[in-house]
Amino acid sequence: MKIAVLVSVGRHPVSGVARYSRNDAAALTLALSLARQHDAALDVLHAGDPSNPALQEYLALGARSVEVLALSAVPAASGAQADAATPLAARLRGYDLVLTGTRAEGAIDSGMLPYRVANALDLPLVGAAVDVTLKDGCAQVRQFMPKGLRRRVEVQLPALIAVHPMANATPTYAYARLREGTIRPSPVAHDTRSASAGAPELAWTIRPANAKPVRLAAAEKRSGHARMLSATTTESRGGSVVIEGSSVEKAQVILAYLREHQLVDY
């Protein structure tokens, strides 16, 4: 049996530093367990830049080596970014089971890569997996469902399974394994037929997210009947207009209103 794991480069939510993807790390942990149980060959694949230092963290998580399809050397039509789905699908032919995360952690990641790879390989896809077991040529998958529900499905191998971030897997980090593992760049043959002719160039700008101001609103204390009447009639909602006085007196009026409606606690 041959098992493959697709890994991506994540991003720290605070510092923005490149790191391993926690979702893909869960998929790698599940794949390592399945490979040990069934004595299967395990390959870890990444499509991108082989020099990215974040890939070495997957070695510390248990991967003996990471094969990198060097997309940086692939020319793209009209300056567009190279597509990862096509070379990954070509590399994954012949595998019995492919595991990957649900989506990457970048700002422009759509989560469509597992679906595109499965479509190119004509494989069934099971998403949101939290547990995977192999038995009699089938994969039994427990799926994450909304509101804490779970369900079990069975799929015939070969198949592609996208692992949910809340999977039953706890990655273990060991620095010694990082020193022993290797990153193996693999050249990608460029196919001009797969390039999207005339694709517009994507100009993305990455910047920290700004927190939006929270609008303070007093709690509604009226009955449901009164609120329904106010929706059809025009009525005064109370309050006062302060025109006279200094800026300090006006600020005191605003502060008294906020305290009265418990919008501040000082």
Protein backbone atom coordinates (compact mmCIF):
# COMPACT_ATOMS: atom_id res chain seq x y z
CA MET A 1 0.00 0.00 0.00
CA LYS A 2 1.19 3.51 -0.84
CA ILE A 3 0.05 6.53 1.18
CA ALA A 4 0.76 10.17 0.36
CA VAL A 5 0.29 13.30 2.46
CA LEU A 6 0.02 16.78 0.96
CA VAL A 7 1.44 19.51 3.18
CA SER A 8 1.44 23.29 2.84
CA VAL A 9 3.14 26.26 4.46
CA GLY A 10 1.12 27.88 7.23
CA ARG A 11 1.28 31.33 8.75
CA HIS A 12 1.43 32.32 12.40
CA PRO A 13 -1.76 34.27 13.23
CA VAL A 14 0.09 36.92 15.28
CA SER A 15 3.59 37.36 13.83
CA GLY A 16 2.81 36.22 10.28
CA VAL A 17 5.97 34.06 10.22
CA ALA A 18 5.85 31.02 7.93
CA ARG A 19 5.42 27.74 9.81
CA TYR A 20 3.90 24.30 9.35
CA SER A 21 0.14 24.12 8.83
CA ARG A 22 -1.59 22.68 11.90
CA ASN A 23 -4.29 21.09 9.73
CA ASP A 24 -1.73 19.37 7.50
CA ALA A 25 0.20 18.30 10.61
CA ALA A 26 -2.91 16.46 11.80
CA ALA A 27 -3.17 14.75 8.40
CA LEU A 28 0.51 13.77 8.65
CA THR A 29 -0.02 12.32 12.14
CA LEU A 30 -2.95 10.19 10.93
CA ALA A 31 -0.92 9.03 7.92
CA LEU A 32 2.04 8.03 10.12
CA SER A 33 -0.28 5.94 12.30
CA LEU A 34 -1.87 4.23 9.28
CA ALA A 35 1.53 3.55 7.71
CA ARG A 36 2.75 1.84 10.89
CA GLN A 37 -0.42 -0.24 11.27
CA HIS A 38 -0.47 -1.50 7.67
CA ASP A 39 3.26 -1.46 6.87
CA ALA A 40 2.64 1.00 4.04
CA ALA A 41 5.04 3.28 2.18
CA LEU A 42 4.49 6.93 3.11
CA ASP A 43 5.46 9.93 0.98
CA VAL A 44 5.09 13.56 2.07
CA LEU A 45 4.63 16.01 -0.82
CA HIS A 46 4.63 19.79 -1.10
CA ALA A 47 4.22 21.99 -4.16
CA GLY A 48 6.04 25.28 -3.85
CA ASP A 49 9.44 26.70 -2.90
CA PRO A 50 11.97 24.05 -1.72
CA SER A 51 13.98 26.68 0.20
CA ASN A 52 11.12 27.56 2.54
CA PRO A 53 12.40 26.82 6.09
CA ALA A 54 8.87 26.00 7.31
CA LEU A 55 9.01 22.67 5.45
CA GLN A 56 11.69 21.41 7.83
CA GLU A 57 9.17 21.46 10.66
CA TYR A 58 7.33 18.57 9.02
CA LEU A 59 10.53 16.55 9.46
CA ALA A 60 10.36 17.24 13.18
CA LEU A 61 6.72 16.08 13.15
CA GLY A 62 7.67 12.63 11.87
CA ALA A 63 8.22 12.84 8.10
CA ARG A 64 11.50 11.18 7.08
CA SER A 65 11.66 13.35 3.98
CA VAL A 66 9.56 15.94 2.19
CA GLU A 67 9.47 15.86 -1.60
CA VAL A 68 8.97 19.35 -2.97
CA LEU A 69 7.63 19.93 -6.47
CA ALA A 70 9.53 23.11 -7.29
CA LEU A 71 6.83 25.30 -8.78
CA SER A 72 9.06 28.37 -8.57
CA ALA A 73 10.90 27.09 -11.64
CA VAL A 74 7.73 26.54 -13.66
CA PRO A 75 6.86 29.42 -16.02
CA ALA A 76 3.29 30.63 -15.78
CA ALA A 77 1.20 32.21 -18.50
CA SER A 78 1.03 36.02 -18.40
CA GLY A 79 2.80 36.17 -15.05
CA ALA A 80 0.06 34.28 -13.19
CA GLN A 81 0.96 32.03 -10.29
CA ALA A 82 1.85 28.44 -11.15
CA ASP A 83 -0.94 25.93 -10.55
CA ALA A 84 -0.18 23.29 -7.91
CA ALA A 85 -3.08 20.93 -8.69
CA THR A 86 -1.78 19.75 -12.09
CA PRO A 87 1.74 18.64 -11.03
CA LEU A 88 0.42 17.16 -7.78
CA ALA A 89 -2.15 15.08 -9.65
CA ALA A 90 0.53 13.81 -12.03
CA ARG A 91 2.78 12.85 -9.11
CA LEU A 92 0.01 11.14 -7.10
CA ARG A 93 -1.01 8.58 -9.72
CA GLY A 94 -0.78 5.06 -8.35
CA TYR A 95 -1.29 5.87 -4.67
CA ASP A 96 -3.90 3.99 -2.66
CA LEU A 97 -4.65 6.77 -0.16
CA VAL A 98 -3.99 10.51 -0.24
CA LEU A 99 -4.41 12.60 2.92
CA THR A 100 -4.41 16.37 3.08
CA GLY A 101 -5.69 19.20 5.22
CA THR A 102 -9.02 20.85 4.54
CA ARG A 103 -7.36 24.08 3.41
CA ALA A 104 -4.13 26.01 3.82
CA GLU A 105 -3.67 28.94 6.21
CA GLY A 106 -2.81 31.73 3.77
CA ALA A 107 -5.03 34.69 3.00
CA ILE A 108 -5.78 33.67 -0.61
CA ASP A 109 -6.26 29.91 -0.10
CA SER A 110 -9.67 28.75 -1.31
CA GLY A 111 -9.70 25.15 -0.03
CA MET A 112 -10.32 23.83 -3.55
CA LEU A 113 -7.01 22.00 -4.00
CA PRO A 114 -8.21 18.62 -2.60
CA TYR A 115 -11.25 18.74 -4.88
CA ARG A 116 -9.23 19.68 -7.95
CA VAL A 117 -6.66 16.95 -7.33
CA ALA A 118 -9.38 14.35 -6.72
CA ASN A 119 -11.15 15.43 -9.90
CA ALA A 120 -7.95 15.20 -11.94
CA LEU A 121 -7.25 11.69 -10.59
CA ASP A 122 -10.92 10.62 -10.79
CA LEU A 123 -10.86 9.63 -7.10
CA PRO A 124 -13.65 9.76 -4.52
CA LEU A 125 -13.13 12.48 -1.90
CA VAL A 126 -14.22 12.48 1.74
CA GLY A 127 -13.95 15.80 3.54
CA ALA A 128 -13.87 16.92 7.20
CA ALA A 129 -12.39 13.64 8.45
CA VAL A 130 -11.55 13.38 12.15
CA ASP A 131 -10.64 9.68 12.20
CA VAL A 132 -9.56 7.19 9.51
CA THR A 133 -9.24 3.40 9.66
CA LEU A 134 -8.37 1.00 6.82
CA LYS A 135 -10.02 -2.40 6.47
CA ASP A 136 -10.47 -4.81 3.55
CA GLY A 137 -9.52 -2.32 0.85
CA CYS A 138 -11.83 0.37 2.24
CA ALA A 139 -11.33 3.47 4.34
CA GLN A 140 -13.77 4.00 7.19
CA VAL A 141 -13.95 7.71 7.94
CA ARG A 142 -15.60 9.52 10.82
CA GLN A 143 -16.64 12.98 9.64
CA PHE A 144 -17.01 16.23 11.53
CA MET A 145 -20.55 17.60 11.33
CA PRO A 146 -22.06 20.88 12.58
CA LYS A 147 -23.29 21.20 16.18
CA GLY A 148 -20.95 18.48 17.46
CA LEU A 149 -22.43 15.68 15.37
CA ARG A 150 -20.33 12.94 13.75
CA ARG A 151 -21.08 10.36 11.08
CA ARG A 152 -19.23 7.37 9.68
CA VAL A 153 -18.81 6.78 5.96
CA GLU A 154 -16.96 4.10 4.04
CA VAL A 155 -15.13 4.68 0.77
CA GLN A 156 -13.41 2.24 -1.55
CA LEU A 157 -9.66 2.75 -2.06
CA PRO A 158 -7.99 4.50 -3.82
CA ALA A 159 -9.42 7.70 -2.36
CA LEU A 160 -8.49 11.19 -1.22
CA ILE A 161 -9.39 12.26 2.32
CA ALA A 162 -9.33 15.86 3.59
CA VAL A 163 -8.67 15.98 7.34
CA HIS A 164 -10.59 18.40 9.57
CA PRO A 165 -8.62 20.71 11.91
CA MET A 166 -10.31 19.03 14.92
CA ALA A 167 -9.09 15.55 13.98
CA ASN A 168 -8.17 13.02 16.66
CA ALA A 169 -4.44 13.53 16.15
CA THR A 170 -1.81 15.11 18.38
CA PRO A 171 1.40 15.92 16.47
CA THR A 172 4.65 15.38 18.37
CA TYR A 173 7.62 17.66 17.66
CA ALA A 174 11.18 16.32 17.96
CA TYR A 175 14.20 18.40 16.99
CA ALA A 176 16.34 15.28 16.45
CA ARG A 177 14.02 14.13 13.65
CA LEU A 178 14.38 17.55 12.01
CA ARG A 179 18.14 17.08 11.83
CA GLU A 180 17.84 13.56 10.41
CA GLY A 181 15.22 14.26 7.72
CA THR A 182 15.79 15.68 4.26
CA ILE A 183 14.04 18.07 1.87
CA ARG A 184 14.13 16.64 -1.67
CA PRO A 185 13.40 19.11 -4.49
CA SER A 186 11.82 17.50 -7.52
CA PRO A 187 11.74 19.23 -10.90
CA VAL A 188 8.36 19.67 -12.52
CA ALA A 189 7.93 19.26 -16.27
CA HIS A 190 6.01 22.24 -17.59
CA ASP A 191 3.02 21.37 -19.74
CA THR A 192 1.97 24.26 -21.93
CA ARG A 193 -1.45 22.70 -22.48
CA SER A 194 -2.33 23.08 -18.77
CA ALA A 195 -1.41 26.74 -18.60
CA SER A 196 -4.35 29.10 -18.66
CA ALA A 197 -3.73 31.20 -21.72
CA GLY A 198 -4.35 34.87 -21.22
CA ALA A 199 -4.90 34.57 -17.47
CA PRO A 200 -4.68 37.99 -15.80
CA GLU A 201 -1.82 38.65 -13.42
CA LEU A 202 -2.80 38.52 -9.75
CA ALA A 203 -1.50 41.41 -7.69
CA TRP A 204 -2.09 40.52 -4.05
CA THR A 205 -1.29 42.82 -1.14
CA ILE A 206 -0.69 41.24 2.27
CA ARG A 207 -1.19 43.38 5.36
CA PRO A 208 -2.22 42.80 8.99
CA ALA A 209 -5.95 42.66 9.62
CA ASN A 210 -7.41 45.72 11.36
CA ALA A 211 -9.91 45.17 14.13
CA LYS A 212 -13.22 46.85 13.36
CA PRO A 213 -14.65 49.16 16.04
CA VAL A 214 -17.49 47.66 18.04
CA ARG A 215 -20.63 49.79 18.07
CA LEU A 216 -22.06 50.26 21.54
CA ALA A 217 -25.79 49.72 21.75
CA ALA A 218 -28.02 49.85 24.79
CA ALA A 219 -29.86 46.65 25.66
CA GLU A 220 -33.47 46.56 24.45
CA LYS A 221 -35.80 46.48 27.48
CA ARG A 222 -39.16 46.87 25.77
CA SER A 223 -41.63 44.06 25.26
CA GLY A 224 -42.08 42.31 21.95
CA HIS A 225 -45.41 44.07 21.38
CA ALA A 226 -43.81 47.47 21.88
CA ARG A 227 -41.01 46.68 19.45
CA MET A 228 -43.51 45.58 16.81
CA LEU A 229 -45.45 48.82 17.20
CA SER A 230 -42.29 50.90 16.88
CA ALA A 231 -41.57 49.24 13.54
CA THR A 232 -44.80 50.66 12.07
CA THR A 233 -45.08 54.00 13.89
CA THR A 234 -42.77 56.91 14.51
CA GLU A 235 -42.18 57.55 18.17
CA SER A 236 -39.63 59.24 20.36
CA ARG A 237 -37.05 56.92 21.86
CA GLY A 238 -36.04 59.32 24.64
CA GLY A 239 -32.59 60.77 25.13
CA SER A 240 -31.50 64.38 25.24
CA VAL A 241 -29.66 66.83 23.04
CA VAL A 242 -26.88 68.69 24.86
CA ILE A 243 -25.90 71.94 23.17
CA GLU A 244 -24.98 74.26 25.98
CA GLY A 245 -22.08 73.71 28.34
CA SER A 246 -18.40 72.96 28.13
CA SER A 247 -16.80 69.89 26.58
CA VAL A 248 -16.30 68.42 30.06
CA GLU A 249 -20.00 68.73 30.88
CA LYS A 250 -20.97 67.13 27.56
CA ALA A 251 -18.55 64.26 28.18
CA GLN A 252 -20.10 63.75 31.62
CA VAL A 253 -23.54 63.42 30.06
CA ILE A 254 -22.27 60.78 27.63
CA LEU A 255 -20.50 58.90 30.41
CA ALA A 256 -23.66 58.93 32.55
CA TYR A 257 -25.63 57.45 29.63
CA LEU A 258 -23.07 54.67 29.15
CA ARG A 259 -23.14 53.84 32.87
CA GLU A 260 -26.93 53.86 32.98
CA HIS A 261 -27.13 51.26 30.21
CA GLN A 262 -24.14 49.28 31.53
CA LEU A 263 -22.05 49.84 28.41
CA VAL A 264 -18.97 50.66 30.52
CA ASP A 265 -17.88 49.31 33.88
CA TYR A 266 -16.08 52.30 35.36
